[in-house]
Amino acid sequence: MGEFELIRRVFWRATGATPGVWLGNGDDAALLASSPGCVLAVSSDMLVQGRHFLPDVEPQALGHKALAVNLSDLAAMGARPLAFTLALALPRVDEAWLRALAEGMLTLADAHGCALVGGDTTAGPLTLALTVFGEVAPQRALRRDAARVGDDVWVSGALGLARLGLALLRGELAMSGAQAEAARAQLLRPTPRVALGQALAGLAHAAADVSDGLLADLGHILASSGVAAELDVEALLREATPPAVRDLPPALALSFVLAGGDDYELVFTAPAARRDAVQAAAARAATPVACIGRIVPGEPAEHPLADGAGRVRLLDTQGRPYPLPEGVRLAGFDHFATIAA
């Protein structure tokens, strides 16, 4: 099957009725338009076999996750999804595998009104590179550089479950039953918090999606905003950690929650005076949220992309330094960690 036959048989879809899409796939470029008063939010993510997913992953789950991680970036901006492109490198053409991949991806796309409008295919090691487009009013966008001293720090959903799912798939831990299934589902089929992001737009100040670990991704907000944060670890474990993770040995549980990654929840800051409004927005989005800390003064960063994890102070409920058990790992996911210099 050739490149264009593959696209026609597996990925081509008519997009003329999709709002914001003037011209979709099938031409040299797509034509997109944002609503009046809005700007385009654009984000790209690449998933590489062996680095971001295991070789035996189900293709339907892979298609879902490939788009979900991109939609999560739009959620962190408070943006409404419009469209996406897919660049796909394949070691060989397997039509049944590709149809399952497309089903997982396009089912999620339909759920969010996000049209596939183009991309590219080629031979090579299995790699998926997606670019997603959304729209948001610029004054309502949730930016990493907008956290303010006195803001509360919030997280959505439950943290550490995806890292537990990875440990189960790798055989590092043994667990069965509903908790194990939930952990594997969180890893393989994360839920992008798009509705929550839009509900928080204009209410929260700053946000990031938790892809590399809570400390790492909150650190991006702190470095960009030139502030620091104090986190109540006991509140984090009590309100934003599922029992399957909380019941692990303490060092492992804290490592998964603080640095596990792949959660695709939102960490965000909002004025302390707006706590009721944040809870109401979360209820509209049918997404649980927990307040886990506050923003405090910090020195300006040398660069907005500097590592800001060191700006997070871990405290107990009484405001004292939290005694971390021996063996806790606080380093988030690093795409180049195993590549030799």
C-alpha atoms as a PDB file:
ATOM      1  CA  MET A   1       0.000   0.000   0.000  1.00  0.00           C
ATOM      2  CA  GLY A   2       1.454   3.373  -1.025  1.00  0.00           C
ATOM      3  CA  GLU A   3       1.459   6.562   1.028  1.00  0.00           C
ATOM      4  CA  PHE A   4      -1.590   8.206  -0.500  1.00  0.00           C
ATOM      5  CA  GLU A   5      -3.545   4.953  -0.637  1.00  0.00           C
ATOM      6  CA  LEU A   6      -2.795   4.486   3.077  1.00  0.00           C
ATOM      7  CA  ILE A   7      -4.081   7.973   3.866  1.00  0.00           C
ATOM      8  CA  ARG A   8      -7.176   7.525   1.714  1.00  0.00           C
ATOM      9  CA  ARG A   9      -8.107   4.116   3.150  1.00  0.00           C
ATOM     10  CA  VAL A  10      -7.282   4.719   6.825  1.00  0.00           C
ATOM     11  CA  PHE A  11      -6.989   8.386   7.769  1.00  0.00           C
ATOM     12  CA  TRP A  12      -8.880  10.532   5.251  1.00  0.00           C
ATOM     13  CA  ARG A  13     -12.037  12.205   6.561  1.00  0.00           C
ATOM     14  CA  ALA A  14     -14.223  14.994   5.245  1.00  0.00           C
ATOM     15  CA  THR A  15     -13.862  18.045   7.515  1.00  0.00           C
ATOM     16  CA  GLY A  16     -15.988  20.680   5.791  1.00  0.00           C
ATOM     17  CA  ALA A  17     -18.537  20.805   8.632  1.00  0.00           C
ATOM     18  CA  THR A  18     -15.976  21.249  11.407  1.00  0.00           C
ATOM     19  CA  PRO A  19     -16.091  24.780  12.904  1.00  0.00           C
ATOM     20  CA  GLY A  20     -12.866  26.659  12.307  1.00  0.00           C
ATOM     21  CA  VAL A  21     -11.684  24.334   9.516  1.00  0.00           C
ATOM     22  CA  TRP A  22     -12.033  25.953   6.091  1.00  0.00           C
ATOM     23  CA  LEU A  23     -10.056  23.214   4.330  1.00  0.00           C
ATOM     24  CA  GLY A  24      -8.959  19.930   5.839  1.00  0.00           C
ATOM     25  CA  ASN A  25      -6.774  17.086   4.631  1.00  0.00           C
ATOM     26  CA  GLY A  26      -6.252  16.288   0.978  1.00  0.00           C
ATOM     27  CA  ASP A  27      -4.533  19.513  -0.139  1.00  0.00           C
ATOM     28  CA  ASP A  28      -1.044  20.975   0.265  1.00  0.00           C
ATOM     29  CA  ALA A  29      -2.052  22.678   3.514  1.00  0.00           C
ATOM     30  CA  ALA A  30      -5.067  23.001   5.781  1.00  0.00           C
ATOM     31  CA  LEU A  31      -6.861  26.304   6.245  1.00  0.00           C
ATOM     32  CA  LEU A  32      -7.925  27.136   9.809  1.00  0.00           C
ATOM     33  CA  ALA A  33      -9.656  30.154  11.318  1.00  0.00           C
ATOM     34  CA  SER A  34     -10.158  31.037  14.980  1.00  0.00           C
ATOM     35  CA  SER A  35     -13.294  32.684  16.336  1.00  0.00           C
ATOM     36  CA  PRO A  36     -13.409  36.496  16.595  1.00  0.00           C
ATOM     37  CA  GLY A  37     -11.403  37.686  19.587  1.00  0.00           C
ATOM     38  CA  CYS A  38      -9.454  34.429  19.859  1.00  0.00           C
ATOM     39  CA  VAL A  39      -5.915  33.399  18.965  1.00  0.00           C
ATOM     40  CA  LEU A  40      -4.627  29.988  17.885  1.00  0.00           C
ATOM     41  CA  ALA A  41      -2.997  27.778  20.511  1.00  0.00           C
ATOM     42  CA  VAL A  42      -0.568  25.349  18.856  1.00  0.00           C
ATOM     43  CA  SER A  43       1.346  22.454  20.416  1.00  0.00           C
ATOM     44  CA  SER A  44       3.351  19.481  19.135  1.00  0.00           C
ATOM     45  CA  ASP A  45       4.288  16.164  20.751  1.00  0.00           C
ATOM     46  CA  MET A  46       6.224  13.184  19.450  1.00  0.00           C
ATOM     47  CA  LEU A  47       5.825   9.591  20.629  1.00  0.00           C
ATOM     48  CA  VAL A  48       8.674   7.208  19.827  1.00  0.00           C
ATOM     49  CA  GLN A  49       8.510   3.453  20.313  1.00  0.00           C
ATOM     50  CA  GLY A  50      10.805   2.371  23.127  1.00  0.00           C
ATOM     51  CA  ARG A  51      10.950   5.867  24.586  1.00  0.00           C
ATOM     52  CA  HIS A  52       7.289   6.784  25.091  1.00  0.00           C
ATOM     53  CA  PHE A  53       5.469   3.479  24.595  1.00  0.00           C
ATOM     54  CA  LEU A  54       6.220  -0.231  24.722  1.00  0.00           C
ATOM     55  CA  PRO A  55       6.479  -2.253  21.483  1.00  0.00           C
ATOM     56  CA  ASP A  56       3.490  -4.453  22.332  1.00  0.00           C
ATOM     57  CA  VAL A  57       1.060  -1.616  23.135  1.00  0.00           C
ATOM     58  CA  GLU A  58      -2.403  -2.070  21.644  1.00  0.00           C
ATOM     59  CA  PRO A  59      -2.703   0.206  18.577  1.00  0.00           C
ATOM     60  CA  GLN A  60      -6.115   1.552  19.617  1.00  0.00           C
ATOM     61  CA  ALA A  61      -4.692   2.630  22.980  1.00  0.00           C
ATOM     62  CA  LEU A  62      -1.654   4.141  21.257  1.00  0.00           C
ATOM     63  CA  GLY A  63      -3.859   6.181  18.923  1.00  0.00           C
ATOM     64  CA  HIS A  64      -5.891   7.450  21.870  1.00  0.00           C
ATOM     65  CA  LYS A  65      -2.843   8.420  23.911  1.00  0.00           C
ATOM     66  CA  ALA A  66      -1.037  10.083  21.007  1.00  0.00           C
ATOM     67  CA  LEU A  67      -3.867  12.581  20.640  1.00  0.00           C
ATOM     68  CA  ALA A  68      -4.681  12.758  24.356  1.00  0.00           C
ATOM     69  CA  VAL A  69      -1.245  14.056  25.308  1.00  0.00           C
ATOM     70  CA  ASN A  70      -1.595  16.832  22.741  1.00  0.00           C
ATOM     71  CA  LEU A  71      -5.111  17.743  23.838  1.00  0.00           C
ATOM     72  CA  SER A  72      -3.732  17.912  27.369  1.00  0.00           C
ATOM     73  CA  ASP A  73      -1.455  20.766  26.265  1.00  0.00           C
ATOM     74  CA  LEU A  74      -4.480  22.662  24.969  1.00  0.00           C
ATOM     75  CA  ALA A  75      -6.260  21.988  28.256  1.00  0.00           C
ATOM     76  CA  ALA A  76      -3.335  23.558  30.108  1.00  0.00           C
ATOM     77  CA  MET A  77      -3.855  26.737  28.065  1.00  0.00           C
ATOM     78  CA  GLY A  78      -7.625  26.803  28.575  1.00  0.00           C
ATOM     79  CA  ALA A  79      -8.064  26.378  24.816  1.00  0.00           C
ATOM     80  CA  ARG A  80     -10.850  24.759  22.795  1.00  0.00           C
ATOM     81  CA  PRO A  81      -9.555  22.110  20.338  1.00  0.00           C
ATOM     82  CA  LEU A  82      -9.987  22.797  16.617  1.00  0.00           C
ATOM     83  CA  ALA A  83      -7.840  20.412  14.579  1.00  0.00           C
ATOM     84  CA  PHE A  84      -4.657  18.357  14.475  1.00  0.00           C
ATOM     85  CA  THR A  85      -2.109  16.945  12.058  1.00  0.00           C
ATOM     86  CA  LEU A  86      -0.402  13.551  12.208  1.00  0.00           C
ATOM     87  CA  ALA A  87       3.085  12.680  10.959  1.00  0.00           C
ATOM     88  CA  LEU A  88       3.598   8.930  11.090  1.00  0.00           C
ATOM     89  CA  ALA A  89       6.762   6.864  10.510  1.00  0.00           C
ATOM     90  CA  LEU A  90       6.124   3.134  10.056  1.00  0.00           C
ATOM     91  CA  PRO A  91       8.592   0.239   9.860  1.00  0.00           C
ATOM     92  CA  ARG A  92       6.019  -1.596   7.708  1.00  0.00           C
ATOM     93  CA  VAL A  93       2.411  -1.162   6.615  1.00  0.00           C
ATOM     94  CA  ASP A  94      -0.099  -3.295   8.526  1.00  0.00           C
ATOM     95  CA  GLU A  95      -3.583  -2.136   7.552  1.00  0.00           C
ATOM     96  CA  ALA A  96      -5.389  -3.855  10.438  1.00  0.00           C
ATOM     97  CA  TRP A  97      -2.973  -2.302  12.959  1.00  0.00           C
ATOM     98  CA  LEU A  98      -3.345   1.115  11.337  1.00  0.00           C
ATOM     99  CA  ARG A  99      -7.141   0.948  11.359  1.00  0.00           C
ATOM    100  CA  ALA A 100      -7.087   0.192  15.097  1.00  0.00           C
ATOM    101  CA  LEU A 101      -4.656   3.078  15.656  1.00  0.00           C
ATOM    102  CA  ALA A 102      -6.905   5.410  13.677  1.00  0.00           C
ATOM    103  CA  GLU A 103     -10.002   4.240  15.554  1.00  0.00           C
ATOM    104  CA  GLY A 104      -8.491   5.083  18.937  1.00  0.00           C
ATOM    105  CA  MET A 105      -7.249   8.448  17.724  1.00  0.00           C
ATOM    106  CA  LEU A 106     -10.317   9.557  15.786  1.00  0.00           C
ATOM    107  CA  THR A 107     -12.807   8.447  18.429  1.00  0.00           C
ATOM    108  CA  LEU A 108     -11.114  10.798  20.895  1.00  0.00           C
ATOM    109  CA  ALA A 109     -10.897  13.488  18.210  1.00  0.00           C
ATOM    110  CA  ASP A 110     -14.643  13.262  17.579  1.00  0.00           C
ATOM    111  CA  ALA A 111     -15.353  13.540  21.310  1.00  0.00           C
ATOM    112  CA  HIS A 112     -13.573  16.909  21.346  1.00  0.00           C
ATOM    113  CA  GLY A 113     -14.604  18.220  17.921  1.00  0.00           C
ATOM    114  CA  CYS A 114     -10.975  18.113  16.778  1.00  0.00           C
ATOM    115  CA  ALA A 115     -10.560  17.379  13.053  1.00  0.00           C
ATOM    116  CA  LEU A 116      -7.613  15.568  11.470  1.00  0.00           C
ATOM    117  CA  VAL A 117      -6.568  18.046   8.773  1.00  0.00           C
ATOM    118  CA  GLY A 118      -3.309  16.694   7.378  1.00  0.00           C
ATOM    119  CA  GLY A 119       0.137  15.313   8.087  1.00  0.00           C
ATOM    120  CA  ASP A 120       2.657  12.978   6.513  1.00  0.00           C
ATOM    121  CA  THR A 121       3.620   9.295   6.390  1.00  0.00           C
ATOM    122  CA  THR A 122       6.975   7.687   5.722  1.00  0.00           C
ATOM    123  CA  ALA A 123       8.965   4.521   6.343  1.00  0.00           C
ATOM    124  CA  GLY A 124      11.069   4.440   9.492  1.00  0.00           C
ATOM    125  CA  PRO A 125      11.126   3.478  13.181  1.00  0.00           C
ATOM    126  CA  LEU A 126       7.613   3.663  14.626  1.00  0.00           C
ATOM    127  CA  THR A 127       7.044   7.314  15.548  1.00  0.00           C
ATOM    128  CA  LEU A 128       3.934   9.487  15.860  1.00  0.00           C
ATOM    129  CA  ALA A 129       4.296  13.256  15.766  1.00  0.00           C
ATOM    130  CA  LEU A 130       1.122  15.290  16.243  1.00  0.00           C
ATOM    131  CA  THR A 131       0.474  19.014  16.120  1.00  0.00           C
ATOM    132  CA  VAL A 132      -2.774  20.208  17.649  1.00  0.00           C
ATOM    133  CA  PHE A 133      -4.520  23.544  17.114  1.00  0.00           C
ATOM    134  CA  GLY A 134      -6.970  25.204  19.472  1.00  0.00           C
ATOM    135  CA  GLU A 135      -8.364  28.633  20.191  1.00  0.00           C
ATOM    136  CA  VAL A 136      -8.590  30.831  23.257  1.00  0.00           C
ATOM    137  CA  ALA A 137      -9.141  34.497  23.993  1.00  0.00           C
ATOM    138  CA  PRO A 138      -5.620  35.809  24.744  1.00  0.00           C
ATOM    139  CA  GLN A 139      -6.670  37.543  27.969  1.00  0.00           C
ATOM    140  CA  ARG A 140      -8.158  34.253  29.225  1.00  0.00           C
ATOM    141  CA  ALA A 141      -5.259  31.950  28.328  1.00  0.00           C
ATOM    142  CA  LEU A 142      -3.639  30.012  31.181  1.00  0.00           C
ATOM    143  CA  ARG A 143       0.052  30.868  30.858  1.00  0.00           C
ATOM    144  CA  ARG A 144       2.972  29.413  32.780  1.00  0.00           C
ATOM    145  CA  ASP A 145       4.334  32.876  33.522  1.00  0.00           C
ATOM    146  CA  ALA A 146       1.193  34.176  35.258  1.00  0.00           C
ATOM    147  CA  ALA A 147       1.371  32.642  38.772  1.00  0.00           C
ATOM    148  CA  ARG A 148       1.156  35.254  41.512  1.00  0.00           C
ATOM    149  CA  VAL A 149       2.285  35.305  45.124  1.00  0.00           C
ATOM    150  CA  GLY A 150      -0.675  34.319  47.306  1.00  0.00           C
ATOM    151  CA  ASP A 151      -2.231  32.020  44.696  1.00  0.00           C
ATOM    152  CA  ASP A 152      -3.391  28.573  45.749  1.00  0.00           C
ATOM    153  CA  VAL A 153      -1.793  25.597  43.990  1.00  0.00           C
ATOM    154  CA  TRP A 154      -4.309  23.026  42.729  1.00  0.00           C
ATOM    155  CA  VAL A 155      -4.154  19.683  40.938  1.00  0.00           C
ATOM    156  CA  SER A 156      -6.875  17.803  39.119  1.00  0.00           C
ATOM    157  CA  GLY A 157      -7.686  14.133  39.378  1.00  0.00           C
ATOM    158  CA  ALA A 158      -5.304  11.645  40.966  1.00  0.00           C
ATOM    159  CA  LEU A 159      -1.517  11.561  40.673  1.00  0.00           C
ATOM    160  CA  GLY A 160       0.847   8.599  40.495  1.00  0.00           C
ATOM    161  CA  LEU A 161      -1.604   6.120  38.990  1.00  0.00           C
ATOM    162  CA  ALA A 162      -0.014   6.121  35.539  1.00  0.00           C
ATOM    163  CA  ARG A 163       3.432   5.453  37.022  1.00  0.00           C
ATOM    164  CA  LEU A 164       1.918   2.543  38.922  1.00  0.00           C
ATOM    165  CA  GLY A 165       0.477   1.285  35.634  1.00  0.00           C
ATOM    166  CA  LEU A 166       3.939   1.414  34.066  1.00  0.00           C
ATOM    167  CA  ALA A 167       5.430  -0.487  37.000  1.00  0.00           C
ATOM    168  CA  LEU A 168       2.776  -3.185  36.550  1.00  0.00           C
ATOM    169  CA  LEU A 169       3.403  -3.482  32.800  1.00  0.00           C
ATOM    170  CA  ARG A 170       7.156  -3.715  33.405  1.00  0.00           C
ATOM    171  CA  GLY A 171       6.695  -6.378  36.076  1.00  0.00           C
ATOM    172  CA  GLU A 172       8.270  -4.143  38.740  1.00  0.00           C
ATOM    173  CA  LEU A 173       5.210  -4.588  40.967  1.00  0.00           C
ATOM    174  CA  ALA A 174       2.422  -7.163  41.186  1.00  0.00           C
ATOM    175  CA  MET A 175      -1.212  -6.165  41.675  1.00  0.00           C
ATOM    176  CA  SER A 176      -4.544  -7.467  40.429  1.00  0.00           C
ATOM    177  CA  GLY A 177      -8.167  -6.423  40.406  1.00  0.00           C
ATOM    178  CA  ALA A 178      -9.873  -3.111  39.732  1.00  0.00           C
ATOM    179  CA  GLN A 179      -7.016  -0.964  41.065  1.00  0.00           C
ATOM    180  CA  ALA A 180      -4.536  -2.600  38.703  1.00  0.00           C
ATOM    181  CA  GLU A 181      -6.889  -2.139  35.745  1.00  0.00           C
ATOM    182  CA  ALA A 182      -7.388   1.528  36.645  1.00  0.00           C
ATOM    183  CA  ALA A 183      -3.625   2.057  36.803  1.00  0.00           C
ATOM    184  CA  ARG A 184      -3.046   0.487  33.395  1.00  0.00           C
ATOM    185  CA  ALA A 185      -5.935   2.470  31.916  1.00  0.00           C
ATOM    186  CA  GLN A 186      -4.529   5.736  33.269  1.00  0.00           C
ATOM    187  CA  LEU A 187      -1.195   4.989  31.616  1.00  0.00           C
ATOM    188  CA  LEU A 188      -2.551   3.783  28.267  1.00  0.00           C
ATOM    189  CA  ARG A 189      -5.716   5.886  27.896  1.00  0.00           C
ATOM    190  CA  PRO A 190      -5.312   9.140  29.818  1.00  0.00           C
ATOM    191  CA  THR A 191      -8.184  11.616  29.928  1.00  0.00           C
ATOM    192  CA  PRO A 192      -7.153  15.095  28.727  1.00  0.00           C
ATOM    193  CA  ARG A 193      -8.726  17.686  31.042  1.00  0.00           C
ATOM    194  CA  VAL A 194     -10.022  19.846  28.211  1.00  0.00           C
ATOM    195  CA  ALA A 195     -13.325  20.746  29.868  1.00  0.00           C
ATOM    196  CA  LEU A 196     -11.571  21.752  33.086  1.00  0.00           C
ATOM    197  CA  GLY A 197      -9.032  23.891  31.248  1.00  0.00           C
ATOM    198  CA  GLN A 198     -11.781  25.809  29.485  1.00  0.00           C
ATOM    199  CA  ALA A 199     -13.739  26.187  32.735  1.00  0.00           C
ATOM    200  CA  LEU A 200     -10.653  27.657  34.407  1.00  0.00           C
ATOM    201  CA  ALA A 201      -9.834  30.084  31.575  1.00  0.00           C
ATOM    202  CA  GLY A 202     -10.152  33.610  32.924  1.00  0.00           C
ATOM    203  CA  LEU A 203     -10.339  32.267  36.507  1.00  0.00           C
ATOM    204  CA  ALA A 204      -7.014  30.533  37.161  1.00  0.00           C
ATOM    205  CA  HIS A 205      -3.767  32.411  36.612  1.00  0.00           C
ATOM    206  CA  ALA A 206      -1.272  29.772  35.437  1.00  0.00           C
ATOM    207  CA  ALA A 207      -1.406  26.103  34.479  1.00  0.00           C
ATOM    208  CA  ALA A 208       0.610  23.199  33.100  1.00  0.00           C
ATOM    209  CA  ASP A 209      -0.256  19.622  32.355  1.00  0.00           C
ATOM    210  CA  VAL A 210       1.452  16.995  34.505  1.00  0.00           C
ATOM    211  CA  SER A 211       3.325  14.989  31.896  1.00  0.00           C
ATOM    212  CA  ASP A 212       6.863  14.760  33.325  1.00  0.00           C
ATOM    213  CA  GLY A 213       5.917  14.698  37.023  1.00  0.00           C
ATOM    214  CA  LEU A 214       4.286  17.136  39.448  1.00  0.00           C
ATOM    215  CA  LEU A 215       7.505  18.712  40.709  1.00  0.00           C
ATOM    216  CA  ALA A 216       8.930  19.121  37.206  1.00  0.00           C
ATOM    217  CA  ASP A 217       5.785  20.596  35.676  1.00  0.00           C
ATOM    218  CA  LEU A 218       4.930  22.850  38.616  1.00  0.00           C
ATOM    219  CA  GLY A 219       8.583  23.882  38.426  1.00  0.00           C
ATOM    220  CA  HIS A 220       8.018  25.151  34.880  1.00  0.00           C
ATOM    221  CA  ILE A 221       5.300  27.471  36.200  1.00  0.00           C
ATOM    222  CA  LEU A 222       7.501  28.665  39.056  1.00  0.00           C
ATOM    223  CA  ALA A 223      10.547  29.380  36.886  1.00  0.00           C
ATOM    224  CA  SER A 224       8.476  31.162  34.248  1.00  0.00           C
ATOM    225  CA  SER A 225       6.688  33.261  36.890  1.00  0.00           C
ATOM    226  CA  GLY A 226       9.726  33.961  39.067  1.00  0.00           C
ATOM    227  CA  VAL A 227       8.062  32.587  42.215  1.00  0.00           C
ATOM    228  CA  ALA A 228       8.275  29.580  44.545  1.00  0.00           C
ATOM    229  CA  ALA A 229       5.711  27.196  46.034  1.00  0.00           C
ATOM    230  CA  GLU A 230       4.996  25.490  49.310  1.00  0.00           C
ATOM    231  CA  LEU A 231       3.176  22.152  48.997  1.00  0.00           C
ATOM    232  CA  ASP A 232       1.295  20.379  51.770  1.00  0.00           C
ATOM    233  CA  VAL A 233       2.450  16.807  51.142  1.00  0.00           C
ATOM    234  CA  GLU A 234      -0.111  15.325  53.515  1.00  0.00           C
ATOM    235  CA  ALA A 235      -2.950  17.096  51.675  1.00  0.00           C
ATOM    236  CA  LEU A 236      -1.494  15.883  48.378  1.00  0.00           C
ATOM    237  CA  LEU A 237      -1.432  12.274  49.583  1.00  0.00           C
ATOM    238  CA  ARG A 238      -4.850  12.510  51.198  1.00  0.00           C
ATOM    239  CA  GLU A 239      -6.793  14.339  48.483  1.00  0.00           C
ATOM    240  CA  ALA A 240      -4.997  13.786  45.176  1.00  0.00           C
ATOM    241  CA  THR A 241      -3.508  10.310  45.480  1.00  0.00           C
ATOM    242  CA  PRO A 242      -5.535   7.143  44.759  1.00  0.00           C
ATOM    243  CA  PRO A 243      -5.514   4.374  47.384  1.00  0.00           C
ATOM    244  CA  ALA A 244      -3.595   2.006  45.090  1.00  0.00           C
ATOM    245  CA  VAL A 245      -0.655   4.435  45.145  1.00  0.00           C
ATOM    246  CA  ARG A 246      -1.099   5.717  48.700  1.00  0.00           C
ATOM    247  CA  ASP A 247      -0.879   2.145  50.041  1.00  0.00           C
ATOM    248  CA  LEU A 248       2.520   1.498  48.427  1.00  0.00           C
ATOM    249  CA  PRO A 249       5.703   1.752  50.542  1.00  0.00           C
ATOM    250  CA  PRO A 250       6.087   5.463  51.431  1.00  0.00           C
ATOM    251  CA  ALA A 251       9.208   6.116  49.346  1.00  0.00           C
ATOM    252  CA  LEU A 252       7.635   4.514  46.286  1.00  0.00           C
ATOM    253  CA  ALA A 253       4.302   6.280  46.735  1.00  0.00           C
ATOM    254  CA  LEU A 254       5.941   9.704  47.034  1.00  0.00           C
ATOM    255  CA  SER A 255       8.206   9.021  44.048  1.00  0.00           C
ATOM    256  CA  PHE A 256       5.184   8.101  41.909  1.00  0.00           C
ATOM    257  CA  VAL A 257       3.109  11.097  43.038  1.00  0.00           C
ATOM    258  CA  LEU A 258       5.819  13.767  42.896  1.00  0.00           C
ATOM    259  CA  ALA A 259       7.823  12.582  39.906  1.00  0.00           C
ATOM    260  CA  GLY A 260       6.035   9.695  38.205  1.00  0.00           C
ATOM    261  CA  GLY A 261       4.817  11.524  35.110  1.00  0.00           C
ATOM    262  CA  ASP A 262       2.282  10.489  32.457  1.00  0.00           C
ATOM    263  CA  ASP A 263      -0.619  11.631  34.669  1.00  0.00           C
ATOM    264  CA  TYR A 264      -1.894  14.280  32.195  1.00  0.00           C
ATOM    265  CA  GLU A 265      -3.723  16.033  34.989  1.00  0.00           C
ATOM    266  CA  LEU A 266      -3.557  19.820  35.378  1.00  0.00           C
ATOM    267  CA  VAL A 267      -1.549  21.678  37.999  1.00  0.00           C
ATOM    268  CA  PHE A 268      -2.696  25.280  38.217  1.00  0.00           C
ATOM    269  CA  THR A 269      -2.682  28.369  40.396  1.00  0.00           C
ATOM    270  CA  ALA A 270      -5.642  30.594  41.228  1.00  0.00           C
ATOM    271  CA  PRO A 271      -6.384  33.428  43.680  1.00  0.00           C
ATOM    272  CA  ALA A 272      -7.084  32.186  47.197  1.00  0.00           C
ATOM    273  CA  ALA A 273     -10.220  34.345  47.223  1.00  0.00           C
ATOM    274  CA  ARG A 274     -11.634  32.341  44.293  1.00  0.00           C
ATOM    275  CA  ARG A 275     -11.630  28.871  45.879  1.00  0.00           C
ATOM    276  CA  ASP A 276     -15.392  28.495  45.628  1.00  0.00           C
ATOM    277  CA  ALA A 277     -15.281  29.550  41.976  1.00  0.00           C
ATOM    278  CA  VAL A 278     -12.544  26.999  41.255  1.00  0.00           C
ATOM    279  CA  GLN A 279     -14.596  24.255  42.872  1.00  0.00           C
ATOM    280  CA  ALA A 280     -17.661  25.325  40.872  1.00  0.00           C
ATOM    281  CA  ALA A 281     -15.646  25.266  37.630  1.00  0.00           C
ATOM    282  CA  ALA A 282     -14.357  21.792  38.475  1.00  0.00           C
ATOM    283  CA  ALA A 283     -17.909  20.610  39.158  1.00  0.00           C
ATOM    284  CA  ARG A 284     -19.057  21.921  35.756  1.00  0.00           C
ATOM    285  CA  ALA A 285     -16.197  20.026  34.160  1.00  0.00           C
ATOM    286  CA  ALA A 286     -17.005  16.889  36.199  1.00  0.00           C
ATOM    287  CA  THR A 287     -13.364  16.764  37.325  1.00  0.00           C
ATOM    288  CA  PRO A 288     -12.190  16.550  40.939  1.00  0.00           C
ATOM    289  CA  VAL A 289      -9.579  19.079  42.076  1.00  0.00           C
ATOM    290  CA  ALA A 290      -7.571  19.471  45.280  1.00  0.00           C
ATOM    291  CA  CYS A 291      -5.815  22.472  46.774  1.00  0.00           C
ATOM    292  CA  ILE A 292      -2.313  21.312  47.745  1.00  0.00           C
ATOM    293  CA  GLY A 293      -0.299  24.449  48.446  1.00  0.00           C
ATOM    294  CA  ARG A 294       0.362  28.100  47.755  1.00  0.00           C
ATOM    295  CA  ILE A 295       2.610  30.374  45.744  1.00  0.00           C
ATOM    296  CA  VAL A 296       5.223  32.309  47.733  1.00  0.00           C
ATOM    297  CA  PRO A 297       7.917  34.837  46.730  1.00  0.00           C
ATOM    298  CA  GLY A 298      10.899  33.583  44.766  1.00  0.00           C
ATOM    299  CA  GLU A 299      13.836  34.976  42.840  1.00  0.00           C
ATOM    300  CA  PRO A 300      13.462  35.650  39.107  1.00  0.00           C
ATOM    301  CA  ALA A 301      14.782  32.766  37.029  1.00  0.00           C
ATOM    302  CA  GLU A 302      17.722  33.201  34.678  1.00  0.00           C
ATOM    303  CA  HIS A 303      15.554  31.738  31.927  1.00  0.00           C
ATOM    304  CA  PRO A 304      11.821  30.832  31.823  1.00  0.00           C
ATOM    305  CA  LEU A 305      12.760  27.290  30.745  1.00  0.00           C
ATOM    306  CA  ALA A 306      15.107  26.788  33.706  1.00  0.00           C
ATOM    307  CA  ASP A 307      14.539  23.799  35.991  1.00  0.00           C
ATOM    308  CA  GLY A 308      12.184  25.093  38.659  1.00  0.00           C
ATOM    309  CA  ALA A 309      11.625  21.919  40.694  1.00  0.00           C
ATOM    310  CA  GLY A 310      14.006  23.246  43.342  1.00  0.00           C
ATOM    311  CA  ARG A 311      11.596  26.132  43.940  1.00  0.00           C
ATOM    312  CA  VAL A 312       9.105  23.718  45.534  1.00  0.00           C
ATOM    313  CA  ARG A 313       9.246  23.375  49.320  1.00  0.00           C
ATOM    314  CA  LEU A 314       7.599  20.225  50.688  1.00  0.00           C
ATOM    315  CA  LEU A 315       5.870  20.828  54.024  1.00  0.00           C
ATOM    316  CA  ASP A 316       3.664  18.952  56.447  1.00  0.00           C
ATOM    317  CA  THR A 317       0.259  20.225  57.565  1.00  0.00           C
ATOM    318  CA  GLN A 318       1.883  22.300  60.338  1.00  0.00           C
ATOM    319  CA  GLY A 319       4.152  24.044  57.839  1.00  0.00           C
ATOM    320  CA  ARG A 320       7.319  22.186  58.826  1.00  0.00           C
ATOM    321  CA  PRO A 321       9.687  20.586  56.286  1.00  0.00           C
ATOM    322  CA  TYR A 322       8.221  17.229  55.290  1.00  0.00           C
ATOM    323  CA  PRO A 323      10.490  14.314  56.300  1.00  0.00           C
ATOM    324  CA  LEU A 324      11.007  12.420  53.062  1.00  0.00           C
ATOM    325  CA  PRO A 325      11.638   8.684  53.565  1.00  0.00           C
ATOM    326  CA  GLU A 326      14.893   7.257  52.308  1.00  0.00           C
ATOM    327  CA  GLY A 327      14.822   6.226  48.657  1.00  0.00           C
ATOM    328  CA  VAL A 328      12.409   8.851  47.308  1.00  0.00           C
ATOM    329  CA  ARG A 329      13.179   9.795  43.705  1.00  0.00           C
ATOM    330  CA  LEU A 330      12.182  13.344  42.802  1.00  0.00           C
ATOM    331  CA  ALA A 331      13.574  13.641  39.267  1.00  0.00           C
ATOM    332  CA  GLY A 332      10.872  13.894  36.600  1.00  0.00           C
ATOM    333  CA  PHE A 333      10.900  12.236  33.185  1.00  0.00           C
ATOM    334  CA  ASP A 334      13.818  13.271  30.969  1.00  0.00           C
ATOM    335  CA  HIS A 335      13.569  12.464  27.256  1.00  0.00           C
ATOM    336  CA  PHE A 336      17.381  12.347  26.946  1.00  0.00           C
ATOM    337  CA  ALA A 337      18.269  10.766  30.275  1.00  0.00           C
ATOM    338  CA  THR A 338      19.624   7.535  28.771  1.00  0.00           C
ATOM    339  CA  ILE A 339      21.335   9.053  25.742  1.00  0.00           C
ATOM    340  CA  ALA A 340      25.101   9.242  26.049  1.00  0.00           C
ATOM    341  CA  ALA A 341      26.765  12.628  25.635  1.00  0.00           C
END
